[in-house]
Amino acid sequence: MIPISLYVIIEMLKLLQANIVNKDVKMFFAEEGDMNFASCRNSDLIEELGQVEFVFSDKTGTLTQNKMEFKKCQVGNKVFGNPTQDDITNDVAKEYIGMIQSSADECRQAMDWYFKEQKAKGDRRFRTQLNEVHGQRPQGLPDGEQLYQFFRLLAVCHTVVVDIDEKTGEITYQASSPDELALIQGAKQCGMVLKEKNTEKMVVLNEITGEIEEYFIKAEFPFDSTRKRMTLLVKFRDQWILMCKGADSIIIPRINFGNQHDRYMLDVQRYLLDFAKEGLRTLVVG
């Protein structure tokens, strides 16, 4: 038998605990336009929460709210997106949206020097110009050509729709998947901006050189649950380029690094594991 007085005390405790939940600052939703504390609508909620042992997520947005950001990438055996010591000192790394700006600036700088070298090679005074460019190039810069190919792929290989406001000319992107939208924003941050898209071609503004690049679509194989990858064949100037992106379990077995295959493959798998441990969703492109 349970004394009625004890039952009353338990119910009062439940109400007090529910009131604590309602005022818990750690459960305060601080997003602009909808700022609220948690709301405990049932006094039995505390008792039920005490029985929870495991929380499962199906990765479709239950916990992420389908808000994706392009945070990090590994290109040419180097990871971009990690905060520098200055970023940590200045406390800009905690809540930064997208890739940390110092990494985006490094990518832009590397691509800028790559385009300078390409321009020098096309000059009649090839040796003099190229020697001058090499002499001025900062030490330790990553491979600009690989970065250009990577961000160009992000800006071209997708199913994003471009909407242009007729009055303001402002460009907005519409995507069926938040992942695709995040990749487009990542490419834009690093200098490859999607300006126009239709069934025949895509127009990309290369902010590094200021040039407009047109990619003519020749064949497209959209992502599906069987292939687990998207493949796009485009023509750019006099080049035919095959672009592919998808799940690591599908793309990695199709990669061939040539003579140093084993070494590079271990690096790719190590970086994928590191990203996964950080809670990041991963994608492999080529």
C-alpha atoms as a PDB file:
ATOM      1  CA  MET A   1       0.000   0.000   0.000  1.00  0.00           C
ATOM      2  CA  ILE A   2       1.254   3.509  -0.849  1.00  0.00           C
ATOM      3  CA  PRO A   3       0.203   6.353   1.462  1.00  0.00           C
ATOM      4  CA  ILE A   4      -1.906   8.996  -0.283  1.00  0.00           C
ATOM      5  CA  SER A   5       0.374  11.705   1.118  1.00  0.00           C
ATOM      6  CA  LEU A   6       3.374  10.130  -0.689  1.00  0.00           C
ATOM      7  CA  TYR A   7       1.439  10.045  -3.958  1.00  0.00           C
ATOM      8  CA  VAL A   8       0.657  13.746  -3.567  1.00  0.00           C
ATOM      9  CA  ILE A   9       4.325  14.531  -2.864  1.00  0.00           C
ATOM     10  CA  ILE A  10       5.437  12.598  -5.999  1.00  0.00           C
ATOM     11  CA  GLU A  11       2.970  14.519  -8.160  1.00  0.00           C
ATOM     12  CA  MET A  12       4.171  17.807  -6.688  1.00  0.00           C
ATOM     13  CA  LEU A  13       7.791  16.818  -7.430  1.00  0.00           C
ATOM     14  CA  LYS A  14       6.842  16.048 -11.029  1.00  0.00           C
ATOM     15  CA  LEU A  15       5.287  19.474 -11.399  1.00  0.00           C
ATOM     16  CA  LEU A  16       8.376  21.150  -9.912  1.00  0.00           C
ATOM     17  CA  GLN A  17      10.693  19.212 -12.230  1.00  0.00           C
ATOM     18  CA  ALA A  18       8.487  20.100 -15.214  1.00  0.00           C
ATOM     19  CA  ASN A  19       8.807  23.746 -14.206  1.00  0.00           C
ATOM     20  CA  ILE A  20      12.607  23.376 -14.122  1.00  0.00           C
ATOM     21  CA  VAL A  21      12.515  21.975 -17.675  1.00  0.00           C
ATOM     22  CA  ASN A  22      10.431  24.954 -18.797  1.00  0.00           C
ATOM     23  CA  LYS A  23      13.103  27.355 -17.505  1.00  0.00           C
ATOM     24  CA  ASP A  24      16.252  25.380 -18.444  1.00  0.00           C
ATOM     25  CA  VAL A  25      18.522  27.767 -20.388  1.00  0.00           C
ATOM     26  CA  LYS A  26      20.398  24.798 -21.903  1.00  0.00           C
ATOM     27  CA  MET A  27      17.203  23.824 -23.722  1.00  0.00           C
ATOM     28  CA  PHE A  28      16.464  27.329 -24.979  1.00  0.00           C
ATOM     29  CA  PHE A  29      15.815  27.549 -28.736  1.00  0.00           C
ATOM     30  CA  ALA A  30      17.611  30.716 -29.789  1.00  0.00           C
ATOM     31  CA  GLU A  31      16.988  30.842 -33.532  1.00  0.00           C
ATOM     32  CA  GLU A  32      15.885  34.257 -34.745  1.00  0.00           C
ATOM     33  CA  GLY A  33      12.143  34.558 -35.223  1.00  0.00           C
ATOM     34  CA  ASP A  34      11.280  31.604 -32.985  1.00  0.00           C
ATOM     35  CA  MET A  35      12.933  31.983 -29.560  1.00  0.00           C
ATOM     36  CA  ASN A  36      11.384  29.734 -26.922  1.00  0.00           C
ATOM     37  CA  PHE A  37      12.133  27.673 -23.856  1.00  0.00           C
ATOM     38  CA  ALA A  38      11.290  23.988 -23.814  1.00  0.00           C
ATOM     39  CA  SER A  39       7.680  23.249 -22.958  1.00  0.00           C
ATOM     40  CA  CYS A  40       6.893  20.285 -20.700  1.00  0.00           C
ATOM     41  CA  ARG A  41       3.226  19.545 -21.434  1.00  0.00           C
ATOM     42  CA  ASN A  42       2.928  16.388 -19.348  1.00  0.00           C
ATOM     43  CA  SER A  43       4.034  15.853 -15.756  1.00  0.00           C
ATOM     44  CA  ASP A  44       4.877  12.217 -16.609  1.00  0.00           C
ATOM     45  CA  LEU A  45       7.508  13.372 -19.117  1.00  0.00           C
ATOM     46  CA  ILE A  46      10.315  13.359 -16.516  1.00  0.00           C
ATOM     47  CA  GLU A  47       9.480   9.780 -15.559  1.00  0.00           C
ATOM     48  CA  GLU A  48       9.475   8.703 -19.219  1.00  0.00           C
ATOM     49  CA  LEU A  49      12.767  10.456 -19.994  1.00  0.00           C
ATOM     50  CA  GLY A  50      14.388   8.543 -17.162  1.00  0.00           C
ATOM     51  CA  GLN A  51      13.683   5.305 -19.024  1.00  0.00           C
ATOM     52  CA  VAL A  52      15.437   6.370 -22.240  1.00  0.00           C
ATOM     53  CA  GLU A  53      18.683   4.460 -22.846  1.00  0.00           C
ATOM     54  CA  PHE A  54      19.317   4.855 -26.598  1.00  0.00           C
ATOM     55  CA  VAL A  55      18.541   7.560 -29.159  1.00  0.00           C
ATOM     56  CA  PHE A  56      18.464   6.478 -32.814  1.00  0.00           C
ATOM     57  CA  SER A  57      18.569   8.786 -35.841  1.00  0.00           C
ATOM     58  CA  ASP A  58      17.882   7.749 -39.446  1.00  0.00           C
ATOM     59  CA  LYS A  59      20.136  10.580 -40.770  1.00  0.00           C
ATOM     60  CA  THR A  60      17.322  12.107 -42.823  1.00  0.00           C
ATOM     61  CA  GLY A  61      17.269  15.319 -40.864  1.00  0.00           C
ATOM     62  CA  THR A  62      15.714  14.342 -37.540  1.00  0.00           C
ATOM     63  CA  LEU A  63      18.602  15.881 -35.635  1.00  0.00           C
ATOM     64  CA  THR A  64      20.179  18.074 -38.343  1.00  0.00           C
ATOM     65  CA  GLN A  65      16.885  19.716 -39.423  1.00  0.00           C
ATOM     66  CA  ASN A  66      18.150  19.187 -42.989  1.00  0.00           C
ATOM     67  CA  LYS A  67      20.514  22.144 -42.583  1.00  0.00           C
ATOM     68  CA  MET A  68      23.723  21.192 -44.362  1.00  0.00           C
ATOM     69  CA  GLU A  69      26.936  23.209 -44.605  1.00  0.00           C
ATOM     70  CA  PHE A  70      30.103  22.622 -46.596  1.00  0.00           C
ATOM     71  CA  LYS A  71      32.662  22.416 -43.764  1.00  0.00           C
ATOM     72  CA  LYS A  72      35.741  20.506 -44.926  1.00  0.00           C
ATOM     73  CA  CYS A  73      37.315  18.801 -47.919  1.00  0.00           C
ATOM     74  CA  GLN A  74      40.433  16.815 -48.711  1.00  0.00           C
ATOM     75  CA  VAL A  75      42.084  17.687 -52.016  1.00  0.00           C
ATOM     76  CA  GLY A  76      45.544  16.532 -53.087  1.00  0.00           C
ATOM     77  CA  ASN A  77      46.407  14.927 -49.736  1.00  0.00           C
ATOM     78  CA  LYS A  78      45.596  18.131 -47.820  1.00  0.00           C
ATOM     79  CA  VAL A  79      42.572  18.897 -45.653  1.00  0.00           C
ATOM     80  CA  PHE A  80      40.909  22.292 -45.960  1.00  0.00           C
ATOM     81  CA  GLY A  81      38.499  23.589 -43.336  1.00  0.00           C
ATOM     82  CA  ASN A  82      40.481  23.143 -40.137  1.00  0.00           C
ATOM     83  CA  PRO A  83      40.782  26.384 -38.136  1.00  0.00           C
ATOM     84  CA  THR A  84      44.212  28.002 -37.912  1.00  0.00           C
ATOM     85  CA  GLN A  85      45.754  29.118 -34.637  1.00  0.00           C
ATOM     86  CA  ASP A  86      44.642  32.684 -35.418  1.00  0.00           C
ATOM     87  CA  ASP A  87      41.067  31.463 -35.935  1.00  0.00           C
ATOM     88  CA  ILE A  88      41.127  29.767 -32.541  1.00  0.00           C
ATOM     89  CA  THR A  89      42.701  32.804 -30.848  1.00  0.00           C
ATOM     90  CA  ASN A  90      40.127  35.160 -32.364  1.00  0.00           C
ATOM     91  CA  ASP A  91      37.311  32.738 -31.480  1.00  0.00           C
ATOM     92  CA  VAL A  92      35.893  32.634 -35.009  1.00  0.00           C
ATOM     93  CA  ALA A  93      35.882  28.860 -35.409  1.00  0.00           C
ATOM     94  CA  LYS A  94      33.047  27.812 -33.089  1.00  0.00           C
ATOM     95  CA  GLU A  95      29.890  28.921 -34.868  1.00  0.00           C
ATOM     96  CA  TYR A  96      31.247  29.618 -38.355  1.00  0.00           C
ATOM     97  CA  ILE A  97      28.800  28.892 -41.174  1.00  0.00           C
ATOM     98  CA  GLY A  98      30.346  26.969 -44.066  1.00  0.00           C
ATOM     99  CA  MET A  99      34.050  26.420 -44.559  1.00  0.00           C
ATOM    100  CA  ILE A 100      36.245  28.521 -42.266  1.00  0.00           C
ATOM    101  CA  GLN A 101      37.236  31.656 -44.201  1.00  0.00           C
ATOM    102  CA  SER A 102      40.991  31.177 -43.764  1.00  0.00           C
ATOM    103  CA  SER A 103      40.791  27.861 -45.660  1.00  0.00           C
ATOM    104  CA  ALA A 104      38.588  29.366 -48.377  1.00  0.00           C
ATOM    105  CA  ASP A 105      41.137  32.176 -48.809  1.00  0.00           C
ATOM    106  CA  GLU A 106      43.956  29.619 -49.062  1.00  0.00           C
ATOM    107  CA  CYS A 107      42.055  27.750 -51.799  1.00  0.00           C
ATOM    108  CA  ARG A 108      41.459  30.984 -53.705  1.00  0.00           C
ATOM    109  CA  GLN A 109      45.126  31.991 -53.416  1.00  0.00           C
ATOM    110  CA  ALA A 110      46.356  28.600 -54.666  1.00  0.00           C
ATOM    111  CA  MET A 111      43.982  28.712 -57.652  1.00  0.00           C
ATOM    112  CA  ASP A 112      45.004  32.304 -58.388  1.00  0.00           C
ATOM    113  CA  TRP A 113      48.659  31.279 -58.705  1.00  0.00           C
ATOM    114  CA  TYR A 114      47.709  28.295 -60.854  1.00  0.00           C
ATOM    115  CA  PHE A 115      45.891  30.583 -63.306  1.00  0.00           C
ATOM    116  CA  LYS A 116      48.839  33.001 -63.296  1.00  0.00           C
ATOM    117  CA  GLU A 117      51.167  30.149 -64.254  1.00  0.00           C
ATOM    118  CA  GLN A 118      48.784  29.017 -67.002  1.00  0.00           C
ATOM    119  CA  LYS A 119      48.632  32.568 -68.353  1.00  0.00           C
ATOM    120  CA  ALA A 120      52.433  32.815 -68.317  1.00  0.00           C
ATOM    121  CA  LYS A 121      52.715  29.561 -70.271  1.00  0.00           C
ATOM    122  CA  GLY A 122      50.517  31.041 -72.981  1.00  0.00           C
ATOM    123  CA  ASP A 123      52.695  34.155 -73.271  1.00  0.00           C
ATOM    124  CA  ARG A 124      55.360  34.511 -75.957  1.00  0.00           C
ATOM    125  CA  ARG A 125      57.847  35.453 -73.296  1.00  0.00           C
ATOM    126  CA  PHE A 126      57.111  32.096 -71.697  1.00  0.00           C
ATOM    127  CA  ARG A 127      60.355  31.472 -69.800  1.00  0.00           C
ATOM    128  CA  THR A 128      60.742  34.995 -68.433  1.00  0.00           C
ATOM    129  CA  GLN A 129      57.100  35.273 -67.378  1.00  0.00           C
ATOM    130  CA  LEU A 130      57.009  31.803 -65.840  1.00  0.00           C
ATOM    131  CA  ASN A 131      60.235  32.355 -63.902  1.00  0.00           C
ATOM    132  CA  GLU A 132      58.826  35.611 -62.517  1.00  0.00           C
ATOM    133  CA  VAL A 133      55.612  33.888 -61.442  1.00  0.00           C
ATOM    134  CA  HIS A 134      57.488  30.994 -59.827  1.00  0.00           C
ATOM    135  CA  GLY A 135      59.779  33.438 -58.050  1.00  0.00           C
ATOM    136  CA  GLN A 136      56.867  35.317 -56.505  1.00  0.00           C
ATOM    137  CA  ARG A 137      54.793  32.257 -55.586  1.00  0.00           C
ATOM    138  CA  PRO A 138      54.447  31.820 -51.797  1.00  0.00           C
ATOM    139  CA  GLN A 139      55.994  28.673 -50.350  1.00  0.00           C
ATOM    140  CA  GLY A 140      53.757  25.840 -49.176  1.00  0.00           C
ATOM    141  CA  LEU A 141      50.749  26.630 -51.377  1.00  0.00           C
ATOM    142  CA  PRO A 142      48.596  23.583 -52.242  1.00  0.00           C
ATOM    143  CA  ASP A 143      48.065  22.381 -55.815  1.00  0.00           C
ATOM    144  CA  GLY A 144      45.858  25.025 -57.454  1.00  0.00           C
ATOM    145  CA  GLU A 145      44.973  22.834 -60.443  1.00  0.00           C
ATOM    146  CA  GLN A 146      43.521  20.080 -58.239  1.00  0.00           C
ATOM    147  CA  LEU A 147      41.538  22.647 -56.237  1.00  0.00           C
ATOM    148  CA  TYR A 148      40.191  24.197 -59.440  1.00  0.00           C
ATOM    149  CA  GLN A 149      39.078  20.797 -60.744  1.00  0.00           C
ATOM    150  CA  PHE A 150      37.487  19.951 -57.384  1.00  0.00           C
ATOM    151  CA  PHE A 151      35.445  23.133 -56.950  1.00  0.00           C
ATOM    152  CA  ARG A 152      34.557  23.184 -60.642  1.00  0.00           C
ATOM    153  CA  LEU A 153      33.054  19.716 -60.213  1.00  0.00           C
ATOM    154  CA  LEU A 154      31.002  20.904 -57.222  1.00  0.00           C
ATOM    155  CA  ALA A 155      29.714  23.852 -59.267  1.00  0.00           C
ATOM    156  CA  VAL A 156      28.790  21.722 -62.305  1.00  0.00           C
ATOM    157  CA  CYS A 157      27.903  18.155 -61.243  1.00  0.00           C
ATOM    158  CA  HIS A 158      24.517  18.503 -59.533  1.00  0.00           C
ATOM    159  CA  THR A 159      20.756  18.819 -60.070  1.00  0.00           C
ATOM    160  CA  VAL A 160      20.363  22.291 -58.553  1.00  0.00           C
ATOM    161  CA  VAL A 161      17.960  24.733 -60.223  1.00  0.00           C
ATOM    162  CA  VAL A 162      18.984  28.389 -60.595  1.00  0.00           C
ATOM    163  CA  ASP A 163      16.327  31.047 -59.997  1.00  0.00           C
ATOM    164  CA  ILE A 164      17.063  34.633 -61.072  1.00  0.00           C
ATOM    165  CA  ASP A 165      14.923  37.493 -59.777  1.00  0.00           C
ATOM    166  CA  GLU A 166      13.961  39.543 -62.849  1.00  0.00           C
ATOM    167  CA  LYS A 167      13.810  42.795 -60.874  1.00  0.00           C
ATOM    168  CA  THR A 168      16.923  42.580 -58.704  1.00  0.00           C
ATOM    169  CA  GLY A 169      18.965  40.024 -60.658  1.00  0.00           C
ATOM    170  CA  GLU A 170      19.610  38.156 -57.414  1.00  0.00           C
ATOM    171  CA  ILE A 171      20.408  34.469 -57.824  1.00  0.00           C
ATOM    172  CA  THR A 172      18.913  31.811 -55.552  1.00  0.00           C
ATOM    173  CA  TYR A 173      19.386  28.059 -55.694  1.00  0.00           C
ATOM    174  CA  GLN A 174      16.685  25.417 -55.352  1.00  0.00           C
ATOM    175  CA  ALA A 175      17.724  21.842 -54.619  1.00  0.00           C
ATOM    176  CA  SER A 176      15.860  18.624 -53.875  1.00  0.00           C
ATOM    177  CA  SER A 177      18.579  17.722 -51.393  1.00  0.00           C
ATOM    178  CA  PRO A 178      20.218  19.972 -48.774  1.00  0.00           C
ATOM    179  CA  ASP A 179      23.498  18.190 -49.533  1.00  0.00           C
ATOM    180  CA  GLU A 180      23.512  19.510 -53.102  1.00  0.00           C
ATOM    181  CA  LEU A 181      22.770  23.035 -51.912  1.00  0.00           C
ATOM    182  CA  ALA A 182      25.645  22.886 -49.412  1.00  0.00           C
ATOM    183  CA  LEU A 183      28.089  21.780 -52.137  1.00  0.00           C
ATOM    184  CA  ILE A 184      27.036  24.637 -54.413  1.00  0.00           C
ATOM    185  CA  GLN A 185      27.515  27.126 -51.569  1.00  0.00           C
ATOM    186  CA  GLY A 186      30.941  25.632 -50.859  1.00  0.00           C
ATOM    187  CA  ALA A 187      32.005  26.062 -54.487  1.00  0.00           C
ATOM    188  CA  LYS A 188      30.694  29.639 -54.453  1.00  0.00           C
ATOM    189  CA  GLN A 189      32.662  30.481 -51.310  1.00  0.00           C
ATOM    190  CA  CYS A 190      35.854  29.315 -53.016  1.00  0.00           C
ATOM    191  CA  GLY A 191      35.324  31.234 -56.251  1.00  0.00           C
ATOM    192  CA  MET A 192      33.261  29.001 -58.568  1.00  0.00           C
ATOM    193  CA  VAL A 193      29.780  30.554 -58.800  1.00  0.00           C
ATOM    194  CA  LEU A 194      26.923  28.886 -60.670  1.00  0.00           C
ATOM    195  CA  LYS A 195      25.173  31.641 -62.644  1.00  0.00           C
ATOM    196  CA  GLU A 196      22.856  29.814 -65.024  1.00  0.00           C
ATOM    197  CA  LYS A 197      21.634  26.325 -65.814  1.00  0.00           C
ATOM    198  CA  ASN A 198      19.332  24.782 -68.387  1.00  0.00           C
ATOM    199  CA  THR A 199      18.956  21.426 -70.102  1.00  0.00           C
ATOM    200  CA  GLU A 200      21.821  22.143 -72.501  1.00  0.00           C
ATOM    201  CA  LYS A 201      24.506  23.963 -70.547  1.00  0.00           C
ATOM    202  CA  MET A 202      25.700  25.423 -67.256  1.00  0.00           C
ATOM    203  CA  VAL A 203      27.297  28.838 -66.884  1.00  0.00           C
ATOM    204  CA  VAL A 204      29.848  29.265 -64.095  1.00  0.00           C
ATOM    205  CA  LEU A 205      31.580  32.485 -63.085  1.00  0.00           C
ATOM    206  CA  ASN A 206      35.220  31.893 -62.165  1.00  0.00           C
ATOM    207  CA  GLU A 207      35.726  34.700 -59.635  1.00  0.00           C
ATOM    208  CA  ILE A 208      39.485  34.046 -59.544  1.00  0.00           C
ATOM    209  CA  THR A 209      39.984  34.988 -63.198  1.00  0.00           C
ATOM    210  CA  GLY A 210      36.735  36.909 -63.731  1.00  0.00           C
ATOM    211  CA  GLU A 211      35.912  34.683 -66.723  1.00  0.00           C
ATOM    212  CA  ILE A 212      32.618  33.035 -67.619  1.00  0.00           C
ATOM    213  CA  GLU A 213      32.924  29.275 -68.189  1.00  0.00           C
ATOM    214  CA  GLU A 214      30.292  27.391 -70.186  1.00  0.00           C
ATOM    215  CA  TYR A 215      29.840  23.646 -69.747  1.00  0.00           C
ATOM    216  CA  PHE A 216      27.674  21.908 -72.344  1.00  0.00           C
ATOM    217  CA  ILE A 217      25.806  18.884 -70.978  1.00  0.00           C
ATOM    218  CA  LYS A 218      26.215  15.810 -73.181  1.00  0.00           C
ATOM    219  CA  ALA A 219      24.965  13.056 -70.869  1.00  0.00           C
ATOM    220  CA  GLU A 220      23.668  12.891 -67.314  1.00  0.00           C
ATOM    221  CA  PHE A 221      23.106   9.883 -65.069  1.00  0.00           C
ATOM    222  CA  PRO A 222      21.283  11.091 -61.929  1.00  0.00           C
ATOM    223  CA  PHE A 223      21.835   9.712 -58.451  1.00  0.00           C
ATOM    224  CA  ASP A 224      19.654   6.748 -57.489  1.00  0.00           C
ATOM    225  CA  SER A 225      19.551   4.154 -54.729  1.00  0.00           C
ATOM    226  CA  THR A 226      21.093   1.496 -56.986  1.00  0.00           C
ATOM    227  CA  ARG A 227      24.063   3.376 -58.454  1.00  0.00           C
ATOM    228  CA  LYS A 228      24.546   5.594 -55.354  1.00  0.00           C
ATOM    229  CA  ARG A 229      26.367   8.143 -57.469  1.00  0.00           C
ATOM    230  CA  MET A 230      25.770  10.857 -60.044  1.00  0.00           C
ATOM    231  CA  THR A 231      27.702  10.976 -63.300  1.00  0.00           C
ATOM    232  CA  LEU A 232      27.856  13.886 -65.732  1.00  0.00           C
ATOM    233  CA  LEU A 233      29.579  14.187 -69.114  1.00  0.00           C
ATOM    234  CA  VAL A 234      30.212  17.777 -70.229  1.00  0.00           C
ATOM    235  CA  LYS A 235      32.143  19.586 -72.941  1.00  0.00           C
ATOM    236  CA  PHE A 236      34.223  22.571 -71.858  1.00  0.00           C
ATOM    237  CA  ARG A 237      35.919  24.403 -74.731  1.00  0.00           C
ATOM    238  CA  ASP A 238      37.744  21.583 -76.518  1.00  0.00           C
ATOM    239  CA  GLN A 239      37.710  19.181 -73.546  1.00  0.00           C
ATOM    240  CA  TRP A 240      35.350  16.346 -72.715  1.00  0.00           C
ATOM    241  CA  ILE A 241      35.103  15.948 -68.949  1.00  0.00           C
ATOM    242  CA  LEU A 242      33.511  13.064 -67.047  1.00  0.00           C
ATOM    243  CA  MET A 243      32.477  14.058 -63.516  1.00  0.00           C
ATOM    244  CA  CYS A 244      31.262  11.731 -60.806  1.00  0.00           C
ATOM    245  CA  LYS A 245      30.300  12.035 -57.140  1.00  0.00           C
ATOM    246  CA  GLY A 246      28.724   9.616 -54.721  1.00  0.00           C
ATOM    247  CA  ALA A 247      29.036   7.377 -51.678  1.00  0.00           C
ATOM    248  CA  ASP A 248      32.561   6.377 -50.694  1.00  0.00           C
ATOM    249  CA  SER A 249      31.634   2.665 -50.751  1.00  0.00           C
ATOM    250  CA  ILE A 250      30.777   3.032 -54.457  1.00  0.00           C
ATOM    251  CA  ILE A 251      33.406   5.508 -55.679  1.00  0.00           C
ATOM    252  CA  ILE A 252      36.509   4.204 -53.878  1.00  0.00           C
ATOM    253  CA  PRO A 253      36.562   0.761 -55.590  1.00  0.00           C
ATOM    254  CA  ARG A 254      36.522   2.600 -58.950  1.00  0.00           C
ATOM    255  CA  ILE A 255      39.499   4.859 -58.149  1.00  0.00           C
ATOM    256  CA  ASN A 256      42.891   4.167 -59.722  1.00  0.00           C
ATOM    257  CA  PHE A 257      45.819   6.184 -58.395  1.00  0.00           C
ATOM    258  CA  GLY A 258      48.337   4.457 -60.655  1.00  0.00           C
ATOM    259  CA  ASN A 259      51.770   3.571 -59.234  1.00  0.00           C
ATOM    260  CA  GLN A 260      51.012   4.982 -55.771  1.00  0.00           C
ATOM    261  CA  HIS A 261      47.512   3.547 -55.538  1.00  0.00           C
ATOM    262  CA  ASP A 262      47.892   1.834 -52.133  1.00  0.00           C
ATOM    263  CA  ARG A 263      49.440   4.867 -50.452  1.00  0.00           C
ATOM    264  CA  TYR A 264      46.849   7.374 -51.704  1.00  0.00           C
ATOM    265  CA  MET A 265      43.992   4.968 -51.032  1.00  0.00           C
ATOM    266  CA  LEU A 266      45.024   4.665 -47.383  1.00  0.00           C
ATOM    267  CA  ASP A 267      45.131   8.471 -47.117  1.00  0.00           C
ATOM    268  CA  VAL A 268      41.623   8.831 -48.569  1.00  0.00           C
ATOM    269  CA  GLN A 269      40.187   6.194 -46.252  1.00  0.00           C
ATOM    270  CA  ARG A 270      41.943   7.759 -43.236  1.00  0.00           C
ATOM    271  CA  TYR A 271      40.507  11.217 -43.991  1.00  0.00           C
ATOM    272  CA  LEU A 272      37.031   9.757 -44.538  1.00  0.00           C
ATOM    273  CA  LEU A 273      37.234   8.072 -41.137  1.00  0.00           C
ATOM    274  CA  ASP A 274      38.409  11.307 -39.492  1.00  0.00           C
ATOM    275  CA  PHE A 275      35.524  13.259 -41.045  1.00  0.00           C
ATOM    276  CA  ALA A 276      33.018  10.605 -39.961  1.00  0.00           C
ATOM    277  CA  LYS A 277      34.338  10.739 -36.378  1.00  0.00           C
ATOM    278  CA  GLU A 278      33.632  14.485 -36.382  1.00  0.00           C
ATOM    279  CA  GLY A 279      30.020  13.777 -37.330  1.00  0.00           C
ATOM    280  CA  LEU A 280      30.373  15.049 -40.894  1.00  0.00           C
ATOM    281  CA  ARG A 281      28.575  13.502 -43.855  1.00  0.00           C
ATOM    282  CA  THR A 282      31.089  12.414 -46.466  1.00  0.00           C
ATOM    283  CA  LEU A 283      31.119  12.318 -50.249  1.00  0.00           C
ATOM    284  CA  VAL A 284      33.783  11.267 -52.758  1.00  0.00           C
ATOM    285  CA  VAL A 285      34.164  13.041 -56.112  1.00  0.00           C
ATOM    286  CA  GLY A 286      36.313  12.446 -59.166  1.00  0.00           C
END
